[in-house]
Amino acid sequence: VLAQFGNGGFPALERFLDGKVPADQRQTVA
């Protein structure tokens, strides 16, 4: 999580979730 945040802040974490986590689970994982 720190690495993803360090690559671009919250938008980088958002892109990571969109690419790795199913849509119905993204809010919980976020």
PDB file of all heavy atoms in Angstrom:
ATOM      1  N   VAL A   1       0.839  -1.206   0.000  1.00  0.00           N
ATOM      2  CA  VAL A   1       0.000   0.000   0.000  1.00  0.00           C
ATOM      3  C   VAL A   1       0.868   1.248   0.000  1.00  0.00           C
ATOM      4  O   VAL A   1       0.611   2.210  -0.739  1.00  0.00           O
ATOM      5  CB  VAL A   1      -0.951  -0.016   1.211  1.00  0.00           C
ATOM      6  CG1 VAL A   1      -1.664   1.332   1.358  1.00  0.00           C
ATOM      7  CG2 VAL A   1      -1.976  -1.127   1.071  1.00  0.00           C
ATOM      8  N   LEU A   2       1.930   1.255   0.812  1.00  0.00           N
ATOM      9  CA  LEU A   2       2.837   2.406   0.823  1.00  0.00           C
ATOM     10  C   LEU A   2       3.513   2.598  -0.525  1.00  0.00           C
ATOM     11  O   LEU A   2       3.692   3.737  -0.996  1.00  0.00           O
ATOM     12  CB  LEU A   2       3.888   2.227   1.917  1.00  0.00           C
ATOM     13  CG  LEU A   2       3.421   2.447   3.363  1.00  0.00           C
ATOM     14  CD1 LEU A   2       4.502   2.013   4.344  1.00  0.00           C
ATOM     15  CD2 LEU A   2       3.066   3.908   3.588  1.00  0.00           C
ATOM     16  N   ALA A   3       3.885   1.494  -1.162  1.00  0.00           N
ATOM     17  CA  ALA A   3       4.542   1.588  -2.462  1.00  0.00           C
ATOM     18  C   ALA A   3       3.597   2.166  -3.512  1.00  0.00           C
ATOM     19  O   ALA A   3       3.991   3.019  -4.320  1.00  0.00           O
ATOM     20  CB  ALA A   3       5.059   0.216  -2.890  1.00  0.00           C
ATOM     21  N   GLN A   4       2.341   1.677  -3.530  1.00  0.00           N
ATOM     22  CA  GLN A   4       1.378   2.202  -4.498  1.00  0.00           C
ATOM     23  C   GLN A   4       1.090   3.682  -4.226  1.00  0.00           C
ATOM     24  O   GLN A   4       1.022   4.492  -5.157  1.00  0.00           O
ATOM     25  CB  GLN A   4       0.074   1.390  -4.428  1.00  0.00           C
ATOM     26  CG  GLN A   4       0.218  -0.054  -4.886  1.00  0.00           C
ATOM     27  CD  GLN A   4       0.634  -0.150  -6.342  1.00  0.00           C
ATOM     28  OE1 GLN A   4       0.331   0.714  -7.149  1.00  0.00           O
ATOM     29  NE2 GLN A   4       1.362  -1.215  -6.667  1.00  0.00           N
ATOM     30  N   PHE A   5       0.940   4.040  -2.959  1.00  0.00           N
ATOM     31  CA  PHE A   5       0.699   5.441  -2.622  1.00  0.00           C
ATOM     32  C   PHE A   5       1.890   6.302  -3.022  1.00  0.00           C
ATOM     33  O   PHE A   5       1.728   7.431  -3.495  1.00  0.00           O
ATOM     34  CB  PHE A   5       0.425   5.566  -1.121  1.00  0.00           C
ATOM     35  CG  PHE A   5       0.061   6.959  -0.689  1.00  0.00           C
ATOM     36  CD1 PHE A   5      -1.210   7.460  -0.867  1.00  0.00           C
ATOM     37  CD2 PHE A   5       1.019   7.791  -0.096  1.00  0.00           C
ATOM     38  CE1 PHE A   5      -1.538   8.754  -0.472  1.00  0.00           C
ATOM     39  CE2 PHE A   5       0.703   9.083   0.296  1.00  0.00           C
ATOM     40  CZ  PHE A   5      -0.587   9.568   0.111  1.00  0.00           C
ATOM     41  N   GLY A   6       3.093   5.785  -2.847  1.00  0.00           N
ATOM     42  CA  GLY A   6       4.286   6.534  -3.208  1.00  0.00           C
ATOM     43  C   GLY A   6       4.477   6.695  -4.698  1.00  0.00           C
ATOM     44  O   GLY A   6       5.286   7.520  -5.139  1.00  0.00           O
ATOM     45  N   ASN A   7       3.727   5.932  -5.505  1.00  0.00           N
ATOM     46  CA  ASN A   7       3.831   6.042  -6.967  1.00  0.00           C
ATOM     47  C   ASN A   7       2.848   7.040  -7.561  1.00  0.00           C
ATOM     48  O   ASN A   7       2.838   7.228  -8.777  1.00  0.00           O
ATOM     49  CB  ASN A   7       3.588   4.672  -7.618  1.00  0.00           C
ATOM     50  CG  ASN A   7       4.751   3.730  -7.389  1.00  0.00           C
ATOM     51  OD1 ASN A   7       5.897   4.163  -7.231  1.00  0.00           O
ATOM     52  ND2 ASN A   7       4.452   2.430  -7.346  1.00  0.00           N
ATOM     53  N   GLY A   8       2.019   7.644  -6.749  1.00  0.00           N
ATOM     54  CA  GLY A   8       1.062   8.600  -7.317  1.00  0.00           C
ATOM     55  C   GLY A   8      -0.067   8.960  -6.402  1.00  0.00           C
ATOM     56  O   GLY A   8      -1.075   9.525  -6.856  1.00  0.00           O
ATOM     57  N   GLY A   9       0.015   8.649  -5.125  1.00  0.00           N
ATOM     58  CA  GLY A   9      -1.013   9.037  -4.181  1.00  0.00           C
ATOM     59  C   GLY A   9      -2.275   8.213  -4.329  1.00  0.00           C
ATOM     60  O   GLY A   9      -2.267   7.071  -4.788  1.00  0.00           O
ATOM     61  N   PHE A  10      -3.390   8.821  -3.954  1.00  0.00           N
ATOM     62  CA  PHE A  10      -4.664   8.107  -4.012  1.00  0.00           C
ATOM     63  C   PHE A  10      -5.046   7.687  -5.428  1.00  0.00           C
ATOM     64  O   PHE A  10      -5.612   6.603  -5.612  1.00  0.00           O
ATOM     65  CB  PHE A  10      -5.772   8.974  -3.402  1.00  0.00           C
ATOM     66  CG  PHE A  10      -5.638   9.136  -1.921  1.00  0.00           C
ATOM     67  CD1 PHE A  10      -5.566  10.389  -1.340  1.00  0.00           C
ATOM     68  CD2 PHE A  10      -5.590   8.025  -1.091  1.00  0.00           C
ATOM     69  CE1 PHE A  10      -5.451  10.535   0.029  1.00  0.00           C
ATOM     70  CE2 PHE A  10      -5.470   8.167   0.286  1.00  0.00           C
ATOM     71  CZ  PHE A  10      -5.394   9.423   0.850  1.00  0.00           C
ATOM     72  N   PRO A  11      -4.801   8.479  -6.456  1.00  0.00           N
ATOM     73  CA  PRO A  11      -5.122   8.007  -7.809  1.00  0.00           C
ATOM     74  C   PRO A  11      -4.381   6.726  -8.176  1.00  0.00           C
ATOM     75  O   PRO A  11      -4.931   5.865  -8.881  1.00  0.00           O
ATOM     76  CB  PRO A  11      -4.701   9.172  -8.700  1.00  0.00           C
ATOM     77  CG  PRO A  11      -4.827  10.378  -7.838  1.00  0.00           C
ATOM     78  CD  PRO A  11      -4.405   9.907  -6.476  1.00  0.00           C
ATOM     79  N   ALA A  12      -3.110   6.553  -7.709  1.00  0.00           N
ATOM     80  CA  ALA A  12      -2.371   5.324  -8.003  1.00  0.00           C
ATOM     81  C   ALA A  12      -3.019   4.128  -7.301  1.00  0.00           C
ATOM     82  O   ALA A  12      -3.136   3.036  -7.894  1.00  0.00           O
ATOM     83  CB  ALA A  12      -0.917   5.473  -7.560  1.00  0.00           C
ATOM     84  N   LEU A  13      -3.447   4.309  -6.041  1.00  0.00           N
ATOM     85  CA  LEU A  13      -4.169   3.235  -5.356  1.00  0.00           C
ATOM     86  C   LEU A  13      -5.480   2.911  -6.072  1.00  0.00           C
ATOM     87  O   LEU A  13      -5.872   1.737  -6.183  1.00  0.00           O
ATOM     88  CB  LEU A  13      -4.449   3.642  -3.913  1.00  0.00           C
ATOM     89  CG  LEU A  13      -3.290   3.480  -2.910  1.00  0.00           C
ATOM     90  CD1 LEU A  13      -3.686   4.077  -1.566  1.00  0.00           C
ATOM     91  CD2 LEU A  13      -2.923   2.020  -2.745  1.00  0.00           C
ATOM     92  N   GLU A  14      -6.140   3.936  -6.568  1.00  0.00           N
ATOM     93  CA  GLU A  14      -7.393   3.725  -7.299  1.00  0.00           C
ATOM     94  C   GLU A  14      -7.149   2.883  -8.551  1.00  0.00           C
ATOM     95  O   GLU A  14      -7.906   1.945  -8.851  1.00  0.00           O
ATOM     96  CB  GLU A  14      -7.997   5.090  -7.662  1.00  0.00           C
ATOM     97  CG  GLU A  14      -9.353   5.029  -8.314  1.00  0.00           C
ATOM     98  CD  GLU A  14     -10.476   5.003  -7.304  1.00  0.00           C
ATOM     99  OE1 GLU A  14     -10.198   5.069  -6.101  1.00  0.00           O
ATOM    100  OE2 GLU A  14     -11.631   4.896  -7.729  1.00  0.00           O
ATOM    101  N   ARG A  15      -6.113   3.223  -9.285  1.00  0.00           N
ATOM    102  CA  ARG A  15      -5.810   2.450 -10.500  1.00  0.00           C
ATOM    103  C   ARG A  15      -5.424   1.012 -10.157  1.00  0.00           C
ATOM    104  O   ARG A  15      -5.774   0.069 -10.895  1.00  0.00           O
ATOM    105  CB  ARG A  15      -4.672   3.137 -11.270  1.00  0.00           C
ATOM    106  CG  ARG A  15      -5.063   4.472 -11.891  1.00  0.00           C
ATOM    107  CD  ARG A  15      -3.991   4.975 -12.840  1.00  0.00           C
ATOM    108  NE  ARG A  15      -2.743   5.254 -12.134  1.00  0.00           N
ATOM    109  CZ  ARG A  15      -2.431   6.436 -11.625  1.00  0.00           C
ATOM    110  NH1 ARG A  15      -3.294   7.457 -11.715  1.00  0.00           N
ATOM    111  NH2 ARG A  15      -1.280   6.623 -11.015  1.00  0.00           N
ATOM    112  N   PHE A  16      -4.715   0.835  -9.050  1.00  0.00           N
ATOM    113  CA  PHE A  16      -4.330  -0.511  -8.637  1.00  0.00           C
ATOM    114  C   PHE A  16      -5.566  -1.351  -8.320  1.00  0.00           C
ATOM    115  O   PHE A  16      -5.678  -2.516  -8.730  1.00  0.00           O
ATOM    116  CB  PHE A  16      -3.406  -0.425  -7.416  1.00  0.00           C
ATOM    117  CG  PHE A  16      -3.035  -1.763  -6.852  1.00  0.00           C
ATOM    118  CD1 PHE A  16      -2.066  -2.552  -7.461  1.00  0.00           C
ATOM    119  CD2 PHE A  16      -3.664  -2.246  -5.708  1.00  0.00           C
ATOM    120  CE1 PHE A  16      -1.730  -3.789  -6.941  1.00  0.00           C
ATOM    121  CE2 PHE A  16      -3.336  -3.478  -5.178  1.00  0.00           C
ATOM    122  CZ  PHE A  16      -2.366  -4.255  -5.799  1.00  0.00           C
ATOM    123  N   LEU A  17      -6.530  -0.759  -7.603  1.00  0.00           N
ATOM    124  CA  LEU A  17      -7.755  -1.485  -7.278  1.00  0.00           C
ATOM    125  C   LEU A  17      -8.561  -1.815  -8.526  1.00  0.00           C
ATOM    126  O   LEU A  17      -9.098  -2.917  -8.668  1.00  0.00           O
ATOM    127  CB  LEU A  17      -8.615  -0.662  -6.319  1.00  0.00           C
ATOM    128  CG  LEU A  17      -8.125  -0.544  -4.868  1.00  0.00           C
ATOM    129  CD1 LEU A  17      -9.085   0.317  -4.068  1.00  0.00           C
ATOM    130  CD2 LEU A  17      -7.992  -1.906  -4.224  1.00  0.00           C
ATOM    131  N   ASP A  18      -8.643  -0.861  -9.449  1.00  0.00           N
ATOM    132  CA  ASP A  18      -9.415  -1.096 -10.661  1.00  0.00           C
ATOM    133  C   ASP A  18      -8.821  -2.220 -11.503  1.00  0.00           C
ATOM    134  O   ASP A  18      -9.551  -2.924 -12.219  1.00  0.00           O
ATOM    135  CB  ASP A  18      -9.478   0.191 -11.490  1.00  0.00           C
ATOM    136  CG  ASP A  18     -10.313   1.269 -10.807  1.00  0.00           C
ATOM    137  OD1 ASP A  18     -11.103   0.917  -9.911  1.00  0.00           O
ATOM    138  OD2 ASP A  18     -10.160   2.454 -11.159  1.00  0.00           O
ATOM    139  N   GLY A  19      -7.508  -2.385 -11.417  1.00  0.00           N
ATOM    140  CA  GLY A  19      -6.870  -3.413 -12.231  1.00  0.00           C
ATOM    141  C   GLY A  19      -6.761  -4.771 -11.567  1.00  0.00           C
ATOM    142  O   GLY A  19      -6.616  -5.788 -12.261  1.00  0.00           O
ATOM    143  N   LYS A  20      -6.824  -4.840 -10.232  1.00  0.00           N
ATOM    144  CA  LYS A  20      -6.562  -6.096  -9.522  1.00  0.00           C
ATOM    145  C   LYS A  20      -7.764  -6.644  -8.750  1.00  0.00           C
ATOM    146  O   LYS A  20      -7.797  -7.841  -8.459  1.00  0.00           O
ATOM    147  CB  LYS A  20      -5.408  -5.882  -8.528  1.00  0.00           C
ATOM    148  CG  LYS A  20      -4.096  -5.435  -9.159  1.00  0.00           C
ATOM    149  CD  LYS A  20      -3.500  -6.510 -10.064  1.00  0.00           C
ATOM    150  CE  LYS A  20      -2.131  -6.079 -10.593  1.00  0.00           C
ATOM    151  NZ  LYS A  20      -1.532  -7.120 -11.483  1.00  0.00           N
ATOM    152  N   VAL A  21      -8.723  -5.811  -8.421  1.00  0.00           N
ATOM    153  CA  VAL A  21      -9.803  -6.229  -7.523  1.00  0.00           C
ATOM    154  C   VAL A  21     -11.125  -6.215  -8.287  1.00  0.00           C
ATOM    155  O   VAL A  21     -11.408  -5.256  -9.023  1.00  0.00           O
ATOM    156  CB  VAL A  21      -9.882  -5.302  -6.292  1.00  0.00           C
ATOM    157  CG1 VAL A  21     -11.018  -5.720  -5.360  1.00  0.00           C
ATOM    158  CG2 VAL A  21      -8.551  -5.289  -5.559  1.00  0.00           C
ATOM    159  N   PRO A  22     -11.936  -7.259  -8.161  1.00  0.00           N
ATOM    160  CA  PRO A  22     -13.261  -7.258  -8.792  1.00  0.00           C
ATOM    161  C   PRO A  22     -14.082  -6.051  -8.345  1.00  0.00           C
ATOM    162  O   PRO A  22     -13.938  -5.547  -7.231  1.00  0.00           O
ATOM    163  CB  PRO A  22     -13.889  -8.575  -8.319  1.00  0.00           C
ATOM    164  CG  PRO A  22     -12.724  -9.437  -7.987  1.00  0.00           C
ATOM    165  CD  PRO A  22     -11.666  -8.533  -7.456  1.00  0.00           C
ATOM    166  N   ALA A  23     -14.961  -5.618  -9.226  1.00  0.00           N
ATOM    167  CA  ALA A  23     -15.715  -4.388  -8.983  1.00  0.00           C
ATOM    168  C   ALA A  23     -16.556  -4.466  -7.729  1.00  0.00           C
ATOM    169  O   ALA A  23     -16.675  -3.474  -6.991  1.00  0.00           O
ATOM    170  CB  ALA A  23     -16.593  -4.070 -10.197  1.00  0.00           C
ATOM    171  N   ASP A  24     -17.160  -5.647  -7.451  1.00  0.00           N
ATOM    172  CA  ASP A  24     -18.041  -5.740  -6.295  1.00  0.00           C
ATOM    173  C   ASP A  24     -17.297  -5.750  -4.968  1.00  0.00           C
ATOM    174  O   ASP A  24     -17.902  -5.642  -3.904  1.00  0.00           O
ATOM    175  CB  ASP A  24     -18.925  -6.981  -6.407  1.00  0.00           C
ATOM    176  CG  ASP A  24     -18.088  -8.258  -6.531  1.00  0.00           C
ATOM    177  OD1 ASP A  24     -16.873  -8.149  -6.841  1.00  0.00           O
ATOM    178  OD2 ASP A  24     -18.644  -9.346  -6.313  1.00  0.00           O
ATOM    179  N   GLN A  25     -15.955  -5.889  -5.011  1.00  0.00           N
ATOM    180  CA  GLN A  25     -15.167  -5.939  -3.788  1.00  0.00           C
ATOM    181  C   GLN A  25     -14.305  -4.688  -3.581  1.00  0.00           C
ATOM    182  O   GLN A  25     -13.627  -4.569  -2.570  1.00  0.00           O
ATOM    183  CB  GLN A  25     -14.259  -7.174  -3.791  1.00  0.00           C
ATOM    184  CG  GLN A  25     -14.995  -8.492  -3.904  1.00  0.00           C
ATOM    185  CD  GLN A  25     -14.059  -9.673  -3.950  1.00  0.00           C
ATOM    186  OE1 GLN A  25     -12.880  -9.563  -3.605  1.00  0.00           O
ATOM    187  NE2 GLN A  25     -14.569 -10.832  -4.374  1.00  0.00           N
ATOM    188  N   ARG A  26     -14.332  -3.771  -4.536  1.00  0.00           N
ATOM    189  CA  ARG A  26     -13.393  -2.640  -4.485  1.00  0.00           C
ATOM    190  C   ARG A  26     -13.668  -1.719  -3.306  1.00  0.00           C
ATOM    191  O   ARG A  26     -12.727  -1.230  -2.667  1.00  0.00           O
ATOM    192  CB  ARG A  26     -13.472  -1.848  -5.791  1.00  0.00           C
ATOM    193  CG  ARG A  26     -12.851  -2.576  -6.971  1.00  0.00           C
ATOM    194  CD  ARG A  26     -13.091  -1.835  -8.270  1.00  0.00           C
ATOM    195  NE  ARG A  26     -12.690  -2.635  -9.418  1.00  0.00           N
ATOM    196  CZ  ARG A  26     -13.010  -2.364 -10.674  1.00  0.00           C
ATOM    197  NH1 ARG A  26     -13.736  -1.289 -10.939  1.00  0.00           N
ATOM    198  NH2 ARG A  26     -12.619  -3.155 -11.653  1.00  0.00           N
ATOM    199  N   GLN A  27     -14.923  -1.469  -3.022  1.00  0.00           N
ATOM    200  CA  GLN A  27     -15.211  -0.550  -1.938  1.00  0.00           C
ATOM    201  C   GLN A  27     -14.727  -1.096  -0.603  1.00  0.00           C
ATOM    202  O   GLN A  27     -14.143  -0.375   0.207  1.00  0.00           O
ATOM    203  CB  GLN A  27     -16.717  -0.270  -1.883  1.00  0.00           C
ATOM    204  CG  GLN A  27     -17.115   0.827  -0.911  1.00  0.00           C
ATOM    205  CD  GLN A  27     -16.550   2.188  -1.315  1.00  0.00           C
ATOM    206  OE1 GLN A  27     -16.399   2.467  -2.503  1.00  0.00           O
ATOM    207  NE2 GLN A  27     -16.210   3.011  -0.328  1.00  0.00           N
ATOM    208  N   THR A  28     -14.927  -2.401  -0.386  1.00  0.00           N
ATOM    209  CA  THR A  28     -14.483  -3.025   0.868  1.00  0.00           C
ATOM    210  C   THR A  28     -12.971  -3.021   0.965  1.00  0.00           C
ATOM    211  O   THR A  28     -12.385  -2.681   2.012  1.00  0.00           O
ATOM    212  CB  THR A  28     -15.019  -4.459   0.954  1.00  0.00           C
ATOM    213  OG1 THR A  28     -16.445  -4.434   0.866  1.00  0.00           O
ATOM    214  CG2 THR A  28     -14.601  -5.107   2.259  1.00  0.00           C
ATOM    215  N   VAL A  29     -12.296  -3.401  -0.137  1.00  0.00           N
ATOM    216  CA  VAL A  29     -10.836  -3.418  -0.139  1.00  0.00           C
ATOM    217  C   VAL A  29     -10.286  -2.001   0.028  1.00  0.00           C
ATOM    218  O   VAL A  29      -9.280  -1.787   0.709  1.00  0.00           O
ATOM    219  CB  VAL A  29     -10.318  -4.073  -1.428  1.00  0.00           C
ATOM    220  CG1 VAL A  29      -8.797  -3.997  -1.497  1.00  0.00           C
ATOM    221  CG2 VAL A  29     -10.785  -5.520  -1.518  1.00  0.00           C
ATOM    222  N   ALA A  30     -10.960  -1.018  -0.597  1.00  0.00           N
ATOM    223  CA  ALA A  30     -10.500   0.371  -0.473  1.00  0.00           C
ATOM    224  C   ALA A  30     -10.556   0.825   0.982  1.00  0.00           C
ATOM    225  O   ALA A  30      -9.634   1.505   1.465  1.00  0.00           O
ATOM    226  CB  ALA A  30     -11.347   1.284  -1.352  1.00  0.00           C
TER     227      ALA A  30
END
